[in-house]
N, C-alpha and C. Protein backbone atom coordinates (compact mmCIF):
# COMPACT_ATOMS: atom_id res chain seq x y z
N MET A 1 100.34 -17.23 86.01
CA MET A 1 101.48 -17.41 85.11
C MET A 1 101.01 -18.02 83.77
N LEU A 2 100.14 -19.01 83.92
CA LEU A 2 99.63 -19.67 82.71
C LEU A 2 98.90 -18.68 81.81
N LEU A 3 98.13 -17.80 82.48
CA LEU A 3 97.37 -16.79 81.72
C LEU A 3 98.31 -15.86 81.01
N ILE A 4 99.38 -15.46 81.68
CA ILE A 4 100.36 -14.56 81.07
C ILE A 4 101.02 -15.24 79.88
N PHE A 5 101.34 -16.50 80.04
CA PHE A 5 101.99 -17.26 78.97
C PHE A 5 101.07 -17.35 77.73
N VAL A 6 99.80 -17.64 78.01
CA VAL A 6 98.82 -17.76 76.89
C VAL A 6 98.67 -16.44 76.18
N LEU A 7 98.58 -15.37 76.96
CA LEU A 7 98.44 -14.05 76.36
C LEU A 7 99.67 -13.69 75.55
N SER A 8 100.82 -14.00 76.05
CA SER A 8 102.06 -13.71 75.32
C SER A 8 102.12 -14.51 74.03
N LEU A 9 101.73 -15.80 74.10
CA LEU A 9 101.76 -16.66 72.93
C LEU A 9 100.79 -16.16 71.87
N THR A 10 99.62 -15.76 72.33
CA THR A 10 98.59 -15.24 71.41
C THR A 10 99.09 -13.99 70.70
N ALA A 11 99.72 -13.10 71.50
CA ALA A 11 100.24 -11.85 70.91
C ALA A 11 101.34 -12.16 69.90
N TYR A 12 102.19 -13.14 70.20
CA TYR A 12 103.27 -13.49 69.29
C TYR A 12 102.73 -14.04 67.97
N ILE A 13 101.75 -14.97 68.13
CA ILE A 13 101.16 -15.58 66.91
C ILE A 13 100.47 -14.52 66.07
N SER A 14 99.73 -13.61 66.75
CA SER A 14 99.03 -12.53 66.00
C SER A 14 100.03 -11.66 65.28
N TYR A 15 101.15 -11.39 65.95
CA TYR A 15 102.18 -10.56 65.33
C TYR A 15 102.75 -11.23 64.09
N GLN A 16 103.00 -12.57 64.23
CA GLN A 16 103.55 -13.30 63.09
C GLN A 16 102.56 -13.35 61.94
N ILE A 17 101.30 -13.62 62.30
CA ILE A 17 100.28 -13.67 61.24
C ILE A 17 100.11 -12.30 60.60
N GLY A 18 100.07 -11.27 61.47
CA GLY A 18 99.92 -9.91 60.95
C GLY A 18 101.09 -9.55 60.07
N GLY A 19 102.26 -9.93 60.43
CA GLY A 19 103.43 -9.64 59.62
C GLY A 19 103.37 -10.36 58.30
N SER A 20 102.88 -11.61 58.32
CA SER A 20 102.79 -12.38 57.08
C SER A 20 101.75 -11.76 56.15
N VAL A 21 100.60 -11.36 56.76
CA VAL A 21 99.55 -10.73 55.94
C VAL A 21 100.05 -9.44 55.36
N ASN A 22 100.72 -8.64 56.16
CA ASN A 22 101.25 -7.36 55.69
C ASN A 22 102.27 -7.58 54.58
N HIS A 23 103.12 -8.58 54.73
CA HIS A 23 104.10 -8.89 53.70
C HIS A 23 103.41 -9.33 52.40
N TRP A 24 102.33 -10.15 52.55
CA TRP A 24 101.59 -10.61 51.37
C TRP A 24 100.92 -9.44 50.65
N GLN A 25 100.36 -8.52 51.46
CA GLN A 25 99.71 -7.34 50.89
C GLN A 25 100.73 -6.48 50.13
N LYS A 26 101.91 -6.33 50.71
CA LYS A 26 102.95 -5.55 50.03
C LYS A 26 103.35 -6.20 48.71
N GLN A 27 103.45 -7.55 48.72
CA GLN A 27 103.79 -8.25 47.49
C GLN A 27 102.71 -8.03 46.40
N GLN A 28 101.44 -8.13 46.89
CA GLN A 28 100.34 -7.91 45.95
C GLN A 28 100.34 -6.48 45.41
N LEU A 29 100.64 -5.54 46.26
CA LEU A 29 100.69 -4.14 45.84
C LEU A 29 101.79 -3.91 44.82
N VAL A 30 102.94 -4.54 45.05
CA VAL A 30 104.04 -4.43 44.10
C VAL A 30 103.64 -5.02 42.75
N LYS A 31 102.98 -6.21 42.82
CA LYS A 31 102.54 -6.85 41.59
C LYS A 31 101.53 -5.98 40.83
N GLN A 32 100.59 -5.39 41.60
CA GLN A 32 99.58 -4.54 40.97
C GLN A 32 100.21 -3.30 40.35
N GLN A 33 101.16 -2.70 41.05
CA GLN A 33 101.84 -1.53 40.51
C GLN A 33 102.62 -1.88 39.25
N SER A 34 103.28 -3.05 39.29
CA SER A 34 104.03 -3.51 38.12
C SER A 34 103.09 -3.74 36.94
N ARG A 35 101.93 -4.38 37.23
CA ARG A 35 100.95 -4.64 36.17
C ARG A 35 100.37 -3.33 35.62
N LEU A 36 100.14 -2.37 36.53
CA LEU A 36 99.61 -1.08 36.13
C LEU A 36 100.59 -0.34 35.22
N GLU A 37 101.85 -0.37 35.57
CA GLU A 37 102.88 0.26 34.73
C GLU A 37 102.94 -0.42 33.36
N SER A 38 102.81 -1.76 33.37
CA SER A 38 102.83 -2.50 32.12
C SER A 38 101.64 -2.12 31.24
N LEU A 39 100.46 -1.97 31.88
CA LEU A 39 99.26 -1.56 31.14
C LEU A 39 99.42 -0.16 30.57
N TYR A 40 100.00 0.74 31.38
CA TYR A 40 100.25 2.10 30.88
C TYR A 40 101.15 2.08 29.64
N GLN A 41 102.17 1.25 29.69
CA GLN A 41 103.08 1.14 28.55
C GLN A 41 102.35 0.60 27.32
N GLU A 42 101.49 -0.43 27.55
CA GLU A 42 100.73 -0.99 26.44
C GLU A 42 99.79 0.04 25.84
N ILE A 43 99.11 0.79 26.73
CA ILE A 43 98.19 1.83 26.26
C ILE A 43 98.95 2.89 25.46
N ASP A 44 100.11 3.29 25.97
CA ASP A 44 100.91 4.29 25.29
C ASP A 44 101.34 3.80 23.90
N GLN A 45 101.72 2.51 23.83
CA GLN A 45 102.10 1.94 22.54
C GLN A 45 100.92 1.93 21.58
N HIS A 46 99.73 1.57 22.10
CA HIS A 46 98.54 1.54 21.25
C HIS A 46 98.17 2.95 20.78
N VAL A 47 98.31 3.93 21.68
CA VAL A 47 98.01 5.32 21.29
C VAL A 47 98.96 5.79 20.21
N ARG A 48 100.25 5.50 20.39
CA ARG A 48 101.24 5.88 19.38
C ARG A 48 100.93 5.21 18.03
N LYS A 49 100.61 3.91 18.10
CA LYS A 49 100.30 3.17 16.88
C LYS A 49 99.06 3.73 16.20
N ASN A 50 98.05 4.06 17.03
CA ASN A 50 96.81 4.62 16.49
C ASN A 50 97.06 5.97 15.84
N ASN A 51 97.87 6.81 16.51
CA ASN A 51 98.22 8.12 15.93
C ASN A 51 98.96 7.97 14.61
N TYR A 52 99.88 7.02 14.58
CA TYR A 52 100.65 6.77 13.35
C TYR A 52 99.73 6.33 12.22
N LEU A 53 98.84 5.37 12.54
CA LEU A 53 97.92 4.87 11.52
C LEU A 53 96.96 5.96 11.06
N THR A 54 96.54 6.82 12.00
CA THR A 54 95.64 7.93 11.64
C THR A 54 96.31 8.88 10.68
N VAL A 55 97.56 9.24 11.00
CA VAL A 55 98.32 10.14 10.12
C VAL A 55 98.55 9.48 8.76
N GLU A 56 98.90 8.19 8.78
CA GLU A 56 99.15 7.47 7.53
C GLU A 56 97.88 7.43 6.67
N LEU A 57 96.73 7.19 7.35
CA LEU A 57 95.46 7.15 6.62
C LEU A 57 95.13 8.51 6.03
N GLN A 58 95.38 9.58 6.79
CA GLN A 58 95.13 10.93 6.29
C GLN A 58 96.01 11.24 5.08
N VAL A 59 97.27 10.80 5.17
CA VAL A 59 98.19 11.01 4.04
C VAL A 59 97.70 10.26 2.81
N GLU A 60 97.25 9.00 3.05
CA GLU A 60 96.74 8.20 1.92
C GLU A 60 95.49 8.83 1.32
N LYS A 61 94.59 9.32 2.20
CA LYS A 61 93.38 9.98 1.70
C LYS A 61 93.72 11.22 0.91
N LYS A 62 94.67 12.01 1.45
CA LYS A 62 95.08 13.23 0.76
C LYS A 62 95.71 12.91 -0.59
N ALA A 63 96.56 11.87 -0.59
CA ALA A 63 97.19 11.46 -1.84
C ALA A 63 96.15 10.95 -2.82
N SER A 64 95.18 10.18 -2.29
CA SER A 64 94.12 9.67 -3.16
C SER A 64 93.29 10.80 -3.73
N LYS A 65 92.96 11.79 -2.88
CA LYS A 65 92.18 12.95 -3.34
C LYS A 65 92.95 13.72 -4.39
N GLN A 66 94.25 13.91 -4.13
CA GLN A 66 95.09 14.63 -5.09
C GLN A 66 95.16 13.87 -6.42
N THR A 67 95.27 12.55 -6.33
CA THR A 67 95.31 11.73 -7.55
C THR A 67 94.01 11.85 -8.32
N GLN A 68 92.89 11.81 -7.59
CA GLN A 68 91.59 11.94 -8.24
C GLN A 68 91.45 13.29 -8.92
N GLU A 69 91.90 14.35 -8.24
CA GLU A 69 91.83 15.69 -8.82
C GLU A 69 92.69 15.79 -10.07
N GLU A 70 93.88 15.18 -10.02
CA GLU A 70 94.76 15.18 -11.19
C GLU A 70 94.11 14.43 -12.35
N LEU A 71 93.45 13.31 -12.04
CA LEU A 71 92.77 12.53 -13.09
C LEU A 71 91.65 13.34 -13.72
N VAL A 72 90.90 14.06 -12.88
CA VAL A 72 89.81 14.91 -13.40
C VAL A 72 90.37 15.98 -14.31
N MET A 73 91.48 16.60 -13.90
CA MET A 73 92.11 17.65 -14.71
C MET A 73 92.61 17.08 -16.04
N LEU A 74 93.21 15.89 -15.98
CA LEU A 74 93.71 15.26 -17.20
C LEU A 74 92.57 14.90 -18.14
N ARG A 75 91.47 14.39 -17.57
CA ARG A 75 90.31 14.05 -18.40
C ARG A 75 89.73 15.30 -19.04
N GLU A 76 89.66 16.39 -18.27
CA GLU A 76 89.14 17.64 -18.82
C GLU A 76 90.05 18.16 -19.92
N GLU A 77 91.35 18.06 -19.69
CA GLU A 77 92.31 18.50 -20.71
C GLU A 77 92.18 17.64 -21.97
N LEU A 78 92.02 16.33 -21.77
CA LEU A 78 91.86 15.43 -22.92
C LEU A 78 90.58 15.76 -23.68
N PHE A 79 89.50 16.05 -22.92
CA PHE A 79 88.23 16.39 -23.55
C PHE A 79 88.37 17.66 -24.39
N GLN A 80 89.06 18.67 -23.83
CA GLN A 80 89.26 19.92 -24.55
C GLN A 80 90.11 19.71 -25.79
N LEU A 81 91.14 18.88 -25.66
CA LEU A 81 92.00 18.60 -26.81
C LEU A 81 91.23 17.89 -27.92
N ARG A 82 90.35 16.97 -27.52
CA ARG A 82 89.54 16.28 -28.51
C ARG A 82 88.60 17.25 -29.21
N LYS A 83 88.03 18.20 -28.44
CA LYS A 83 87.15 19.20 -29.04
C LYS A 83 87.92 20.06 -30.03
N GLU A 84 89.13 20.47 -29.63
CA GLU A 84 89.94 21.30 -30.52
C GLU A 84 90.35 20.51 -31.77
N LEU A 85 90.69 19.24 -31.57
CA LEU A 85 91.07 18.40 -32.71
C LEU A 85 89.90 18.27 -33.68
N SER A 86 88.71 18.05 -33.10
CA SER A 86 87.52 17.93 -33.95
C SER A 86 87.26 19.22 -34.71
N PHE A 87 87.46 20.35 -34.02
CA PHE A 87 87.24 21.65 -34.64
C PHE A 87 88.19 21.87 -35.82
N TYR A 88 89.47 21.69 -35.57
CA TYR A 88 90.45 21.93 -36.64
C TYR A 88 90.40 20.86 -37.72
N GLN A 89 89.94 19.67 -37.34
CA GLN A 89 89.78 18.63 -38.34
C GLN A 89 88.70 19.03 -39.34
N LYS A 90 87.62 19.59 -38.84
CA LYS A 90 86.54 20.03 -39.72
C LYS A 90 86.96 21.21 -40.59
N VAL A 91 87.85 22.05 -40.03
CA VAL A 91 88.29 23.22 -40.79
C VAL A 91 89.35 22.85 -41.83
N LEU A 92 90.33 22.07 -41.39
CA LEU A 92 91.48 21.80 -42.24
C LEU A 92 91.40 20.49 -43.00
N ALA A 93 90.59 19.55 -42.50
CA ALA A 93 90.45 18.27 -43.20
C ALA A 93 88.99 17.92 -43.35
N PRO A 94 88.25 18.73 -44.06
CA PRO A 94 86.80 18.51 -44.19
C PRO A 94 86.44 17.21 -44.89
N GLU A 95 87.37 16.63 -45.61
CA GLU A 95 87.05 15.37 -46.29
C GLU A 95 86.79 14.25 -45.28
N LEU A 96 87.18 14.47 -44.02
CA LEU A 96 86.97 13.45 -42.99
C LEU A 96 85.61 13.56 -42.32
N VAL A 97 84.86 14.62 -42.61
CA VAL A 97 83.55 14.81 -42.00
C VAL A 97 82.53 15.09 -43.10
N ALA A 98 81.27 15.11 -42.70
CA ALA A 98 80.21 15.35 -43.68
C ALA A 98 80.25 16.79 -44.16
N ASP A 99 79.86 16.99 -45.41
CA ASP A 99 79.81 18.34 -45.95
C ASP A 99 78.73 19.16 -45.25
N GLY A 100 78.97 20.47 -45.16
CA GLY A 100 77.96 21.36 -44.60
C GLY A 100 78.53 22.34 -43.61
N LEU A 101 77.68 22.76 -42.67
CA LEU A 101 78.06 23.68 -41.61
C LEU A 101 77.89 22.97 -40.27
N ALA A 102 78.67 23.39 -39.29
CA ALA A 102 78.59 22.76 -37.97
C ALA A 102 78.83 23.79 -36.88
N ILE A 103 78.30 23.49 -35.69
CA ILE A 103 78.52 24.32 -34.50
C ILE A 103 79.64 23.68 -33.68
N GLU A 104 80.65 24.47 -33.35
CA GLU A 104 81.78 23.95 -32.58
C GLU A 104 82.13 24.91 -31.44
N GLN A 105 82.82 24.35 -30.44
CA GLN A 105 83.36 25.10 -29.31
C GLN A 105 82.29 25.92 -28.59
N PHE A 106 81.12 25.33 -28.44
CA PHE A 106 80.03 26.01 -27.72
C PHE A 106 80.33 26.01 -26.23
N ASN A 107 80.13 27.17 -25.59
CA ASN A 107 80.41 27.26 -24.16
C ASN A 107 79.59 28.36 -23.53
N ILE A 108 79.17 28.14 -22.28
CA ILE A 108 78.46 29.14 -21.49
C ILE A 108 79.19 29.30 -20.16
N GLU A 109 79.42 30.54 -19.76
CA GLU A 109 80.07 30.83 -18.49
C GLU A 109 79.18 31.78 -17.69
N GLN A 110 79.24 31.64 -16.38
CA GLN A 110 78.45 32.49 -15.50
C GLN A 110 79.35 33.41 -14.69
N ASP A 111 78.97 34.67 -14.58
CA ASP A 111 79.69 35.60 -13.72
C ASP A 111 79.46 35.17 -12.28
N LYS A 112 80.52 35.11 -11.51
CA LYS A 112 80.44 34.60 -10.14
C LYS A 112 79.45 35.43 -9.30
N GLY A 113 78.54 34.69 -8.65
CA GLY A 113 77.60 35.33 -7.76
C GLY A 113 76.54 36.17 -8.43
N GLN A 114 76.43 36.07 -9.75
CA GLN A 114 75.46 36.89 -10.47
C GLN A 114 74.63 36.01 -11.41
N ASN A 115 73.56 36.61 -11.89
CA ASN A 115 72.68 35.90 -12.82
C ASN A 115 73.00 36.28 -14.26
N ARG A 116 74.25 36.68 -14.48
CA ARG A 116 74.68 37.07 -15.82
C ARG A 116 75.55 35.96 -16.42
N PHE A 117 75.41 35.80 -17.76
CA PHE A 117 76.09 34.72 -18.44
C PHE A 117 76.74 35.22 -19.73
N LYS A 118 77.75 34.45 -20.17
CA LYS A 118 78.41 34.72 -21.44
C LYS A 118 78.37 33.45 -22.28
N PHE A 119 78.19 33.59 -23.57
CA PHE A 119 78.22 32.43 -24.46
C PHE A 119 79.13 32.72 -25.64
N HIS A 120 79.68 31.69 -26.18
CA HIS A 120 80.43 31.83 -27.43
C HIS A 120 80.47 30.47 -28.13
N PHE A 121 80.52 30.50 -29.43
CA PHE A 121 80.61 29.30 -30.25
C PHE A 121 81.09 29.71 -31.64
N ALA A 122 81.40 28.72 -32.43
CA ALA A 122 81.86 28.97 -33.80
C ALA A 122 80.98 28.21 -34.78
N VAL A 123 80.70 28.85 -35.90
CA VAL A 123 80.05 28.17 -37.02
C VAL A 123 81.17 27.81 -37.99
N VAL A 124 81.27 26.53 -38.31
CA VAL A 124 82.39 26.03 -39.09
C VAL A 124 81.87 25.48 -40.42
N GLN A 125 82.59 25.79 -41.49
CA GLN A 125 82.24 25.24 -42.79
C GLN A 125 83.01 23.93 -42.98
N THR A 126 82.27 22.88 -43.29
CA THR A 126 82.90 21.57 -43.44
C THR A 126 82.83 21.05 -44.87
N ASP A 127 82.50 21.91 -45.80
CA ASP A 127 82.50 21.50 -47.20
C ASP A 127 83.91 21.15 -47.65
N SER A 128 84.03 20.07 -48.39
CA SER A 128 85.36 19.69 -48.89
C SER A 128 85.88 20.73 -49.89
N LYS A 129 84.96 21.34 -50.65
CA LYS A 129 85.34 22.42 -51.56
C LYS A 129 84.81 23.71 -50.98
N LYS A 130 85.66 24.39 -50.25
CA LYS A 130 85.21 25.56 -49.51
C LYS A 130 85.04 26.78 -50.41
N ARG A 131 83.91 27.43 -50.19
CA ARG A 131 83.68 28.75 -50.75
C ARG A 131 83.22 29.63 -49.62
N ASN A 132 83.13 30.90 -49.86
CA ASN A 132 82.72 31.81 -48.80
C ASN A 132 81.26 31.52 -48.43
N ALA A 133 81.05 31.12 -47.17
CA ALA A 133 79.70 30.81 -46.70
C ALA A 133 79.05 32.05 -46.13
N LYS A 134 77.81 32.28 -46.52
CA LYS A 134 77.06 33.45 -46.05
C LYS A 134 75.69 33.01 -45.55
N GLY A 135 75.27 33.64 -44.46
CA GLY A 135 73.96 33.30 -43.92
C GLY A 135 73.71 34.03 -42.63
N ASN A 136 72.85 33.47 -41.78
CA ASN A 136 72.51 34.10 -40.51
C ASN A 136 72.17 33.04 -39.48
N ILE A 137 72.18 33.44 -38.24
CA ILE A 137 71.84 32.53 -37.14
C ILE A 137 70.74 33.17 -36.30
N SER A 138 70.08 32.37 -35.50
CA SER A 138 69.15 32.85 -34.48
C SER A 138 69.28 31.95 -33.26
N LEU A 139 69.04 32.53 -32.09
CA LEU A 139 69.28 31.82 -30.84
C LEU A 139 68.05 31.89 -29.94
N ASN A 140 67.74 30.77 -29.32
CA ASN A 140 66.65 30.71 -28.35
C ASN A 140 67.08 29.92 -27.12
N ILE A 141 66.57 30.31 -25.97
CA ILE A 141 66.77 29.54 -24.75
C ILE A 141 65.44 28.88 -24.40
N VAL A 142 65.44 27.58 -24.26
CA VAL A 142 64.23 26.84 -23.91
C VAL A 142 64.36 26.38 -22.46
N GLY A 143 63.31 26.63 -21.69
CA GLY A 143 63.34 26.26 -20.28
C GLY A 143 61.95 26.23 -19.68
N TYR A 144 61.89 26.50 -18.37
CA TYR A 144 60.61 26.44 -17.66
C TYR A 144 60.46 27.65 -16.75
N GLU A 145 59.23 28.16 -16.74
CA GLU A 145 58.91 29.30 -15.89
C GLU A 145 57.55 29.04 -15.26
N ASN A 146 57.53 29.04 -13.91
CA ASN A 146 56.30 28.71 -13.17
C ASN A 146 55.74 27.35 -13.57
N GLY A 147 56.66 26.41 -13.83
CA GLY A 147 56.24 25.06 -14.17
C GLY A 147 55.81 24.86 -15.60
N GLN A 148 55.84 25.93 -16.40
CA GLN A 148 55.41 25.85 -17.80
C GLN A 148 56.62 25.99 -18.72
N ARG A 149 56.59 25.23 -19.82
CA ARG A 149 57.65 25.32 -20.81
C ARG A 149 57.63 26.71 -21.44
N SER A 150 58.80 27.28 -21.58
CA SER A 150 58.89 28.64 -22.09
C SER A 150 60.12 28.79 -22.99
N THR A 151 60.01 29.65 -24.00
CA THR A 151 61.12 29.91 -24.91
C THR A 151 61.43 31.41 -24.92
N ILE A 152 62.71 31.73 -24.76
CA ILE A 152 63.14 33.13 -24.74
C ILE A 152 64.03 33.40 -25.95
N ASP A 153 63.80 34.53 -26.59
CA ASP A 153 64.61 34.95 -27.73
C ASP A 153 65.95 35.45 -27.19
N LEU A 154 67.00 34.63 -27.36
CA LEU A 154 68.32 34.99 -26.85
C LEU A 154 68.93 36.15 -27.63
N ASP A 155 68.55 36.29 -28.89
CA ASP A 155 69.05 37.42 -29.68
C ASP A 155 68.72 38.74 -28.99
N LYS A 156 67.46 38.87 -28.59
CA LYS A 156 67.02 40.10 -27.93
C LYS A 156 67.59 40.19 -26.51
N LEU A 157 67.62 39.05 -25.83
CA LEU A 157 68.11 39.04 -24.44
C LEU A 157 69.56 39.50 -24.37
N ALA A 158 70.34 39.15 -25.41
CA ALA A 158 71.76 39.53 -25.45
C ALA A 158 71.99 40.82 -26.24
N ASN A 159 70.89 41.47 -26.63
CA ASN A 159 70.98 42.73 -27.39
C ASN A 159 71.81 42.59 -28.66
N LEU A 160 71.59 41.49 -29.37
CA LEU A 160 72.29 41.27 -30.63
C LEU A 160 71.48 41.87 -31.78
N THR A 161 72.14 42.58 -32.65
CA THR A 161 71.48 43.18 -33.81
C THR A 161 71.44 42.18 -34.96
N ALA A 162 70.70 42.53 -35.99
CA ALA A 162 70.63 41.66 -37.18
C ALA A 162 72.01 41.48 -37.78
N LYS A 163 72.81 42.54 -37.73
CA LYS A 163 74.17 42.46 -38.27
C LYS A 163 75.02 41.50 -37.44
N ASP A 164 74.81 41.50 -36.12
CA ASP A 164 75.57 40.59 -35.24
C ASP A 164 75.29 39.13 -35.55
N LEU A 165 74.12 38.86 -36.15
CA LEU A 165 73.69 37.49 -36.39
C LEU A 165 74.03 36.99 -37.79
N LEU A 166 74.68 37.85 -38.58
CA LEU A 166 75.08 37.45 -39.94
C LEU A 166 76.45 36.78 -39.91
N PHE A 167 76.67 35.87 -40.84
CA PHE A 167 78.01 35.30 -41.00
C PHE A 167 78.43 35.34 -42.45
N SER A 168 79.72 35.48 -42.61
CA SER A 168 80.34 35.47 -43.93
C SER A 168 81.80 35.08 -43.72
N PHE A 169 82.12 33.86 -44.07
CA PHE A 169 83.47 33.37 -43.77
C PHE A 169 83.86 32.28 -44.74
N HIS A 170 85.14 31.98 -44.73
CA HIS A 170 85.67 30.93 -45.59
C HIS A 170 85.89 29.63 -44.79
N TYR A 171 86.35 29.78 -43.53
CA TYR A 171 86.62 28.62 -42.69
C TYR A 171 85.67 28.56 -41.47
N PHE A 172 85.68 29.61 -40.66
CA PHE A 172 84.80 29.62 -39.49
C PHE A 172 84.60 31.06 -39.01
N GLN A 173 83.59 31.23 -38.15
CA GLN A 173 83.31 32.55 -37.57
C GLN A 173 82.78 32.37 -36.16
N TYR A 174 83.29 33.19 -35.25
CA TYR A 174 82.87 33.12 -33.85
C TYR A 174 81.69 34.04 -33.58
N PHE A 175 80.83 33.60 -32.66
CA PHE A 175 79.72 34.41 -32.16
C PHE A 175 79.79 34.41 -30.64
N GLU A 176 79.48 35.54 -30.05
CA GLU A 176 79.49 35.62 -28.60
C GLU A 176 78.53 36.70 -28.12
N GLY A 177 78.17 36.64 -26.85
CA GLY A 177 77.26 37.63 -26.29
C GLY A 177 77.11 37.44 -24.79
N GLN A 178 76.46 38.42 -24.16
CA GLN A 178 76.21 38.38 -22.72
C GLN A 178 74.73 38.60 -22.47
N PHE A 179 74.21 37.99 -21.43
CA PHE A 179 72.79 38.13 -21.14
C PHE A 179 72.51 37.83 -19.67
N GLN A 180 71.33 38.23 -19.25
CA GLN A 180 70.87 37.96 -17.89
C GLN A 180 69.53 37.26 -17.95
N LEU A 181 69.41 36.15 -17.24
CA LEU A 181 68.17 35.39 -17.27
C LEU A 181 67.10 36.07 -16.42
N PRO A 182 65.85 36.00 -16.86
CA PRO A 182 64.75 36.55 -16.05
C PRO A 182 64.60 35.78 -14.74
N GLU A 183 64.15 36.44 -13.71
CA GLU A 183 63.92 35.78 -12.43
C GLU A 183 62.85 34.70 -12.58
N GLY A 184 63.11 33.54 -11.99
CA GLY A 184 62.13 32.46 -12.02
C GLY A 184 62.21 31.58 -13.25
N PHE A 185 63.13 31.90 -14.16
CA PHE A 185 63.27 31.10 -15.38
C PHE A 185 64.40 30.10 -15.20
N THR A 186 64.10 28.82 -15.49
CA THR A 186 65.10 27.75 -15.38
C THR A 186 65.43 27.25 -16.78
N PRO A 187 66.64 27.50 -17.26
CA PRO A 187 67.00 27.08 -18.63
C PRO A 187 67.22 25.58 -18.74
N ALA A 188 66.86 25.02 -19.88
CA ALA A 188 67.08 23.58 -20.14
C ALA A 188 68.10 23.39 -21.26
N HIS A 189 67.92 24.13 -22.36
CA HIS A 189 68.90 24.04 -23.45
C HIS A 189 68.79 25.28 -24.34
N ILE A 190 69.81 25.43 -25.18
CA ILE A 190 69.85 26.53 -26.14
C ILE A 190 69.71 25.95 -27.54
N GLU A 191 68.89 26.60 -28.34
CA GLU A 191 68.72 26.20 -29.73
C GLU A 191 69.42 27.21 -30.63
N ILE A 192 70.29 26.68 -31.48
CA ILE A 192 71.02 27.52 -32.44
C ILE A 192 70.56 27.15 -33.84
N LYS A 193 69.92 28.09 -34.50
CA LYS A 193 69.45 27.84 -35.86
C LYS A 193 70.38 28.53 -36.84
N VAL A 194 70.87 27.77 -37.81
CA VAL A 194 71.79 28.29 -38.83
C VAL A 194 71.11 28.17 -40.19
N VAL A 195 71.09 29.28 -40.92
CA VAL A 195 70.46 29.29 -42.26
C VAL A 195 71.45 29.85 -43.27
N GLN A 196 71.69 29.09 -44.31
CA GLN A 196 72.53 29.54 -45.42
C GLN A 196 71.63 29.60 -46.67
N PRO A 197 71.19 30.79 -47.06
CA PRO A 197 70.28 30.92 -48.20
C PRO A 197 70.95 30.46 -49.50
N LYS A 198 70.12 29.99 -50.40
CA LYS A 198 70.64 29.55 -51.69
C LYS A 198 70.98 30.76 -52.56
N THR A 199 72.16 30.72 -53.13
CA THR A 199 72.59 31.75 -54.07
C THR A 199 73.23 31.06 -55.26
N ARG A 200 73.77 31.87 -56.13
CA ARG A 200 74.46 31.32 -57.30
C ARG A 200 75.69 30.54 -56.88
N TRP A 201 76.28 30.95 -55.75
CA TRP A 201 77.55 30.35 -55.35
C TRP A 201 77.44 29.34 -54.21
N GLN A 202 76.26 29.20 -53.63
CA GLN A 202 76.12 28.26 -52.51
C GLN A 202 74.74 27.63 -52.48
N PRO A 203 74.66 26.38 -52.03
CA PRO A 203 73.35 25.72 -51.93
C PRO A 203 72.65 26.14 -50.64
N TYR A 204 71.35 25.87 -50.57
CA TYR A 204 70.60 26.17 -49.36
C TYR A 204 70.93 25.13 -48.29
N LYS A 205 71.21 25.64 -47.09
CA LYS A 205 71.46 24.76 -45.95
C LYS A 205 70.83 25.38 -44.71
N ALA A 206 70.22 24.57 -43.91
CA ALA A 206 69.62 25.06 -42.67
C ALA A 206 69.52 23.91 -41.67
N PHE A 207 69.81 24.21 -40.43
CA PHE A 207 69.67 23.20 -39.38
C PHE A 207 69.55 23.91 -38.03
N THR A 208 68.99 23.21 -37.08
CA THR A 208 68.87 23.71 -35.71
C THR A 208 69.56 22.72 -34.79
N GLU A 209 70.46 23.22 -33.99
CA GLU A 209 71.20 22.35 -33.08
C GLU A 209 70.89 22.73 -31.64
N LYS A 210 70.63 21.72 -30.81
CA LYS A 210 70.33 21.94 -29.40
C LYS A 210 71.56 21.64 -28.55
N ARG A 211 71.86 22.54 -27.63
CA ARG A 211 72.95 22.33 -26.68
C ARG A 211 72.40 22.43 -25.26
N ASP A 212 72.58 21.37 -24.50
CA ASP A 212 72.07 21.35 -23.13
C ASP A 212 72.69 22.45 -22.28
N TRP A 213 71.90 22.97 -21.36
CA TRP A 213 72.41 23.98 -20.44
C TRP A 213 73.39 23.31 -19.49
N PRO A 214 74.58 23.84 -19.35
CA PRO A 214 75.59 23.17 -18.51
C PRO A 214 75.31 23.35 -17.01
N ASP A 215 75.91 22.47 -16.21
CA ASP A 215 75.85 22.61 -14.75
C ASP A 215 76.86 23.65 -14.32
N LEU A 216 76.36 24.80 -13.88
CA LEU A 216 77.25 25.90 -13.52
C LEU A 216 77.27 26.11 -12.02
């Protein structure tokens, strides 16, 4: 009887302890699940916040890039306006600049994907007392070929005739042409020589102006 009583008591105590442990485990599981759900919510909030900040940063970068591009365009427009102002100032208000002849609105353009180029510029008379200016120009491209300094006659390269190189004007005259650079030649600058021979109606004037080759 005593043995049966002891065995029954042992089974009862084990049952109570087992029930308590099982209840504690369930409580811990509930707590862990609750904590896990809370962590998921926190992670979701962080992901949403990160996505929002990423989008906001992209918008700011895009706006900043757009602003920079607009500033570049405005600066280029301002530069062109200043060039035009300088050009017309020399033509219409020569008393504001030195007497003589000048090169204005020089530009070189490249045909897309090709080794062909176009140039144009104007020779402007800046004398305060304007008379018909007569003379001629010559053009050279200075650069490097096989590591050696080299000069190319742009007149011939652009198939310009002697008549094409003459000028006779009261205010200004435009010159333009097209050419293709030889393979292996790297241009550095263009030299424009302007000569106004002395006559009864005009003094002798001559100068050579260098214009750097642009980044194309």
